[in-house]
Amino acid sequence: MTSLQNRLKAFGAKLADITGTKTYHYHAPNRPKVPYTVWAEDGEGDGSFSADTTKAEQNIHIYVDYFTLTEFDQAVDDIQDLLCESSEWRLNDVMHEDDTNLIHYAWEVNI
């Protein structure tokens, strides 16, 4: 089984390849430059299992949030292409935030 930390770092690096240096783990700084991405793992995901009392497969559940001012932003499709490499994902929500005028996409993914 691949190291948890290595898997998380690889996932973060792939996101950063899409959205650049404005990719943050856990939380973004105050007033980041738009567009930006925030992602965080929150525990073990569905599909994990043990065999012979040893963890055979571990899926990690991750939230990915992308914030943009651009309608029909290509990065959204690029993020979804990345998520297609994972075992399971879903687009949870798309919302327009009236106070910031940002379009906020939110996904859940198991890696």
N, C-alpha and C. Protein backbone atom coordinates (compact mmCIF):
# COMPACT_ATOMS: atom_id res chain seq x y z
N MET A 1 0.85 -1.18 0.00
CA MET A 1 0.00 0.00 0.00
C MET A 1 0.90 1.25 0.00
N THR A 2 0.55 2.21 -0.83
CA THR A 2 1.32 3.45 -0.95
C THR A 2 1.16 4.30 0.30
N SER A 3 2.20 4.99 0.68
CA SER A 3 2.19 5.88 1.83
C SER A 3 1.05 6.91 1.72
N LEU A 4 0.35 7.11 2.82
CA LEU A 4 -0.72 8.10 2.86
C LEU A 4 -0.19 9.48 2.49
N GLN A 5 0.91 9.88 3.09
CA GLN A 5 1.46 11.21 2.82
C GLN A 5 1.87 11.36 1.36
N ASN A 6 2.45 10.33 0.78
CA ASN A 6 2.84 10.40 -0.64
C ASN A 6 1.62 10.54 -1.54
N ARG A 7 0.55 9.82 -1.22
CA ARG A 7 -0.67 9.93 -2.02
C ARG A 7 -1.27 11.33 -1.93
N LEU A 8 -1.30 11.90 -0.72
CA LEU A 8 -1.84 13.24 -0.54
C LEU A 8 -0.99 14.29 -1.26
N LYS A 9 0.32 14.18 -1.13
CA LYS A 9 1.21 15.13 -1.81
C LYS A 9 1.04 15.04 -3.32
N ALA A 10 0.93 13.83 -3.85
CA ALA A 10 0.75 13.65 -5.29
C ALA A 10 -0.56 14.27 -5.76
N PHE A 11 -1.64 14.06 -4.99
CA PHE A 11 -2.93 14.63 -5.35
C PHE A 11 -2.85 16.16 -5.34
N GLY A 12 -2.27 16.73 -4.30
CA GLY A 12 -2.12 18.18 -4.21
C GLY A 12 -1.29 18.74 -5.37
N ALA A 13 -0.23 18.03 -5.75
CA ALA A 13 0.61 18.47 -6.86
C ALA A 13 -0.17 18.45 -8.18
N LYS A 14 -1.00 17.44 -8.38
CA LYS A 14 -1.80 17.38 -9.61
C LYS A 14 -2.81 18.52 -9.65
N LEU A 15 -3.42 18.84 -8.51
CA LEU A 15 -4.33 20.00 -8.47
C LEU A 15 -3.57 21.28 -8.78
N ALA A 16 -2.38 21.43 -8.20
CA ALA A 16 -1.58 22.63 -8.43
C ALA A 16 -1.18 22.75 -9.90
N ASP A 17 -0.99 21.63 -10.58
CA ASP A 17 -0.69 21.67 -12.02
C ASP A 17 -1.83 22.32 -12.79
N ILE A 18 -3.05 22.16 -12.29
CA ILE A 18 -4.22 22.71 -12.96
C ILE A 18 -4.43 24.17 -12.59
N THR A 19 -4.38 24.45 -11.30
CA THR A 19 -4.75 25.80 -10.82
C THR A 19 -3.56 26.64 -10.40
N GLY A 20 -2.36 26.13 -10.57
CA GLY A 20 -1.16 26.92 -10.28
C GLY A 20 -0.85 27.01 -8.79
N THR A 21 -0.10 28.02 -8.46
CA THR A 21 0.37 28.17 -7.08
C THR A 21 -0.74 28.54 -6.11
N LYS A 22 -1.91 28.82 -6.64
CA LYS A 22 -3.03 29.20 -5.77
C LYS A 22 -3.86 27.97 -5.40
N THR A 23 -3.15 26.93 -4.96
CA THR A 23 -3.78 25.70 -4.50
C THR A 23 -3.37 25.52 -3.04
N TYR A 24 -4.35 25.44 -2.16
CA TYR A 24 -4.08 25.44 -0.72
C TYR A 24 -4.62 24.17 -0.08
N HIS A 25 -3.87 23.68 0.90
CA HIS A 25 -4.26 22.49 1.66
C HIS A 25 -4.87 22.96 2.97
N TYR A 26 -6.06 22.56 3.27
CA TYR A 26 -6.86 22.85 4.47
C TYR A 26 -7.55 24.22 4.42
N HIS A 27 -6.81 25.30 4.18
CA HIS A 27 -7.47 26.61 4.15
C HIS A 27 -6.64 27.58 3.32
N ALA A 28 -7.33 28.56 2.76
CA ALA A 28 -6.67 29.59 1.96
C ALA A 28 -6.32 30.77 2.86
N PRO A 29 -5.31 31.54 2.48
CA PRO A 29 -5.01 32.75 3.24
C PRO A 29 -6.15 33.76 3.09
N ASN A 30 -6.15 34.75 3.92
CA ASN A 30 -7.17 35.80 3.85
C ASN A 30 -7.06 36.52 2.52
N ARG A 31 -8.16 36.58 1.79
CA ARG A 31 -8.27 37.26 0.49
C ARG A 31 -7.25 36.76 -0.54
N PRO A 32 -7.30 35.49 -0.87
CA PRO A 32 -6.37 34.99 -1.90
C PRO A 32 -6.74 35.54 -3.27
N LYS A 33 -5.77 35.55 -4.16
CA LYS A 33 -6.03 35.97 -5.54
C LYS A 33 -6.86 34.89 -6.23
N VAL A 34 -7.88 35.30 -6.94
CA VAL A 34 -8.81 34.40 -7.61
C VAL A 34 -8.30 34.15 -9.03
N PRO A 35 -8.42 32.95 -9.57
CA PRO A 35 -9.07 31.77 -9.00
C PRO A 35 -8.12 31.04 -8.05
N TYR A 36 -8.72 30.22 -7.17
CA TYR A 36 -7.90 29.42 -6.26
C TYR A 36 -8.66 28.16 -5.87
N THR A 37 -7.88 27.19 -5.35
CA THR A 37 -8.41 25.90 -4.95
C THR A 37 -8.02 25.63 -3.51
N VAL A 38 -8.94 25.05 -2.76
CA VAL A 38 -8.67 24.57 -1.39
C VAL A 38 -9.09 23.11 -1.35
N TRP A 39 -8.22 22.27 -0.80
CA TRP A 39 -8.55 20.86 -0.69
C TRP A 39 -8.12 20.35 0.68
N ALA A 40 -8.80 19.30 1.15
CA ALA A 40 -8.45 18.72 2.44
C ALA A 40 -8.99 17.31 2.55
N GLU A 41 -8.20 16.46 3.13
CA GLU A 41 -8.66 15.11 3.45
C GLU A 41 -9.37 15.15 4.79
N ASP A 42 -10.38 14.29 4.96
CA ASP A 42 -11.11 14.29 6.22
C ASP A 42 -11.31 12.89 6.79
N GLY A 43 -10.62 11.91 6.23
CA GLY A 43 -10.72 10.56 6.79
C GLY A 43 -10.73 9.51 5.70
N GLU A 44 -10.98 8.31 6.13
CA GLU A 44 -10.99 7.18 5.21
C GLU A 44 -12.31 7.16 4.44
N GLY A 45 -12.21 6.86 3.16
CA GLY A 45 -13.38 6.84 2.32
C GLY A 45 -13.93 5.44 2.10
N ASP A 46 -15.07 5.38 1.44
CA ASP A 46 -15.69 4.11 1.09
C ASP A 46 -14.74 3.32 0.18
N GLY A 47 -14.84 2.03 0.25
CA GLY A 47 -14.04 1.18 -0.61
C GLY A 47 -12.77 0.67 0.04
N SER A 48 -12.45 1.15 1.24
CA SER A 48 -11.29 0.62 1.96
C SER A 48 -11.64 -0.76 2.48
N PHE A 49 -10.64 -1.63 2.57
CA PHE A 49 -10.90 -2.96 3.12
C PHE A 49 -9.62 -3.60 3.64
N SER A 50 -9.80 -4.59 4.48
CA SER A 50 -8.69 -5.35 5.04
C SER A 50 -8.76 -6.78 4.54
N ALA A 51 -7.60 -7.43 4.53
CA ALA A 51 -7.51 -8.84 4.17
C ALA A 51 -6.48 -9.48 5.10
N ASP A 52 -6.85 -10.58 5.69
CA ASP A 52 -5.96 -11.27 6.62
C ASP A 52 -5.46 -10.32 7.71
N THR A 53 -6.36 -9.54 8.28
CA THR A 53 -6.11 -8.58 9.37
C THR A 53 -5.11 -7.48 9.00
N THR A 54 -4.92 -7.25 7.72
CA THR A 54 -4.03 -6.20 7.25
C THR A 54 -4.80 -5.30 6.29
N LYS A 55 -4.58 -4.00 6.41
CA LYS A 55 -5.24 -3.06 5.51
C LYS A 55 -4.75 -3.33 4.09
N ALA A 56 -5.65 -3.76 3.23
CA ALA A 56 -5.29 -4.11 1.85
C ALA A 56 -5.50 -2.93 0.90
N GLU A 57 -6.51 -2.13 1.16
CA GLU A 57 -6.82 -0.98 0.31
C GLU A 57 -7.35 0.12 1.21
N GLN A 58 -6.81 1.31 1.03
CA GLN A 58 -7.28 2.46 1.81
C GLN A 58 -7.61 3.60 0.86
N ASN A 59 -8.87 3.96 0.82
CA ASN A 59 -9.30 5.14 0.08
C ASN A 59 -9.39 6.31 1.05
N ILE A 60 -8.92 7.45 0.61
CA ILE A 60 -8.95 8.65 1.43
C ILE A 60 -10.01 9.60 0.87
N HIS A 61 -10.89 10.07 1.74
CA HIS A 61 -11.96 10.99 1.35
C HIS A 61 -11.43 12.42 1.39
N ILE A 62 -11.62 13.14 0.29
CA ILE A 62 -11.09 14.49 0.14
C ILE A 62 -12.19 15.42 -0.37
N TYR A 63 -12.18 16.63 0.15
CA TYR A 63 -13.01 17.70 -0.38
C TYR A 63 -12.15 18.61 -1.23
N VAL A 64 -12.68 19.03 -2.39
CA VAL A 64 -11.99 19.98 -3.26
C VAL A 64 -12.95 21.13 -3.52
N ASP A 65 -12.49 22.35 -3.27
CA ASP A 65 -13.30 23.55 -3.52
C ASP A 65 -12.52 24.46 -4.46
N TYR A 66 -13.18 24.87 -5.53
CA TYR A 66 -12.58 25.76 -6.52
C TYR A 66 -13.40 27.03 -6.61
N PHE A 67 -12.72 28.16 -6.54
CA PHE A 67 -13.36 29.47 -6.55
C PHE A 67 -12.88 30.26 -7.76
N THR A 68 -13.82 30.80 -8.52
CA THR A 68 -13.48 31.53 -9.74
C THR A 68 -14.47 32.67 -9.97
N LEU A 69 -14.05 33.63 -10.76
CA LEU A 69 -14.94 34.69 -11.22
C LEU A 69 -15.40 34.44 -12.65
N THR A 70 -14.82 33.41 -13.28
CA THR A 70 -15.04 33.15 -14.71
C THR A 70 -16.16 32.15 -14.93
N GLU A 71 -17.17 32.58 -15.64
CA GLU A 71 -18.24 31.66 -16.03
C GLU A 71 -17.67 30.67 -17.05
N PHE A 72 -18.03 29.40 -16.92
CA PHE A 72 -17.54 28.34 -17.80
C PHE A 72 -16.00 28.24 -17.79
N ASP A 73 -15.43 28.32 -16.62
CA ASP A 73 -13.98 28.25 -16.42
C ASP A 73 -13.46 26.87 -16.84
N GLN A 74 -12.47 26.82 -17.73
CA GLN A 74 -11.90 25.56 -18.21
C GLN A 74 -11.29 24.74 -17.08
N ALA A 75 -10.81 25.38 -16.05
CA ALA A 75 -10.20 24.65 -14.93
C ALA A 75 -11.19 23.69 -14.28
N VAL A 76 -12.47 23.99 -14.33
CA VAL A 76 -13.48 23.09 -13.76
C VAL A 76 -13.44 21.74 -14.47
N ASP A 77 -13.42 21.76 -15.80
CA ASP A 77 -13.32 20.51 -16.55
C ASP A 77 -11.99 19.82 -16.30
N ASP A 78 -10.92 20.60 -16.17
CA ASP A 78 -9.61 20.01 -15.91
C ASP A 78 -9.57 19.33 -14.54
N ILE A 79 -10.19 19.94 -13.55
CA ILE A 79 -10.28 19.32 -12.22
C ILE A 79 -11.08 18.03 -12.31
N GLN A 80 -12.19 18.07 -13.02
CA GLN A 80 -13.01 16.85 -13.14
C GLN A 80 -12.25 15.75 -13.89
N ASP A 81 -11.45 16.11 -14.88
CA ASP A 81 -10.62 15.11 -15.56
C ASP A 81 -9.66 14.46 -14.57
N LEU A 82 -9.06 15.26 -13.70
CA LEU A 82 -8.18 14.72 -12.66
C LEU A 82 -8.96 13.79 -11.73
N LEU A 83 -10.15 14.19 -11.33
CA LEU A 83 -10.93 13.37 -10.42
C LEU A 83 -11.34 12.05 -11.05
N CYS A 84 -11.46 12.02 -12.37
CA CYS A 84 -11.80 10.77 -13.06
C CYS A 84 -10.73 9.70 -12.88
N GLU A 85 -9.52 10.10 -12.51
CA GLU A 85 -8.46 9.14 -12.22
C GLU A 85 -8.67 8.44 -10.87
N SER A 86 -9.58 8.96 -10.07
CA SER A 86 -9.81 8.44 -8.72
C SER A 86 -10.86 7.35 -8.73
N SER A 87 -10.99 6.68 -7.60
CA SER A 87 -11.93 5.55 -7.51
C SER A 87 -13.38 6.01 -7.53
N GLU A 88 -13.64 7.15 -6.96
CA GLU A 88 -15.03 7.65 -6.89
C GLU A 88 -15.00 9.14 -6.62
N TRP A 89 -15.90 9.89 -7.29
CA TRP A 89 -16.01 11.32 -7.02
C TRP A 89 -17.40 11.80 -7.39
N ARG A 90 -17.73 12.98 -6.86
CA ARG A 90 -19.00 13.60 -7.23
C ARG A 90 -18.91 15.10 -7.05
N LEU A 91 -19.61 15.81 -7.92
CA LEU A 91 -19.76 17.26 -7.81
C LEU A 91 -20.88 17.49 -6.81
N ASN A 92 -20.55 18.02 -5.65
CA ASN A 92 -21.53 18.23 -4.59
C ASN A 92 -22.38 19.47 -4.79
N ASP A 93 -21.74 20.55 -5.24
CA ASP A 93 -22.44 21.82 -5.23
C ASP A 93 -21.75 22.80 -6.17
N VAL A 94 -22.55 23.65 -6.77
CA VAL A 94 -22.06 24.81 -7.50
C VAL A 94 -22.91 25.98 -7.03
N MET A 95 -22.25 27.01 -6.56
CA MET A 95 -23.02 28.14 -6.03
C MET A 95 -22.36 29.46 -6.40
N HIS A 96 -23.18 30.48 -6.49
CA HIS A 96 -22.68 31.83 -6.68
C HIS A 96 -22.73 32.50 -5.32
N GLU A 97 -21.58 32.99 -4.87
CA GLU A 97 -21.52 33.64 -3.56
C GLU A 97 -21.75 35.14 -3.75
N ASP A 98 -22.91 35.60 -3.32
CA ASP A 98 -23.31 36.98 -3.56
C ASP A 98 -22.36 38.00 -2.93
N ASP A 99 -21.83 37.69 -1.75
CA ASP A 99 -20.99 38.67 -1.07
C ASP A 99 -19.62 38.86 -1.73
N THR A 100 -19.10 37.82 -2.41
CA THR A 100 -17.79 37.92 -3.06
C THR A 100 -17.87 37.90 -4.58
N ASN A 101 -19.04 37.56 -5.11
CA ASN A 101 -19.27 37.39 -6.55
C ASN A 101 -18.51 36.20 -7.14
N LEU A 102 -18.04 35.30 -6.28
CA LEU A 102 -17.31 34.12 -6.73
C LEU A 102 -18.27 32.99 -7.10
N ILE A 103 -17.86 32.19 -8.07
CA ILE A 103 -18.54 30.93 -8.38
C ILE A 103 -17.74 29.86 -7.66
N HIS A 104 -18.42 29.08 -6.84
CA HIS A 104 -17.77 28.10 -5.96
C HIS A 104 -18.23 26.70 -6.35
N TYR A 105 -17.28 25.88 -6.79
CA TYR A 105 -17.52 24.48 -7.11
C TYR A 105 -17.00 23.63 -5.96
N ALA A 106 -17.76 22.62 -5.55
CA ALA A 106 -17.34 21.76 -4.45
C ALA A 106 -17.51 20.29 -4.85
N TRP A 107 -16.42 19.53 -4.71
CA TRP A 107 -16.42 18.10 -5.03
C TRP A 107 -16.02 17.29 -3.80
N GLU A 108 -16.42 16.02 -3.83
CA GLU A 108 -15.91 15.01 -2.91
C GLU A 108 -15.25 13.94 -3.76
N VAL A 109 -14.14 13.41 -3.28
CA VAL A 109 -13.41 12.41 -4.04
C VAL A 109 -12.76 11.42 -3.09
N ASN A 110 -12.68 10.18 -3.51
CA ASN A 110 -11.89 9.17 -2.81
C ASN A 110 -10.67 8.86 -3.65
N ILE A 111 -9.50 8.96 -3.04
CA ILE A 111 -8.27 8.62 -3.77
C ILE A 111 -7.65 7.39 -3.15
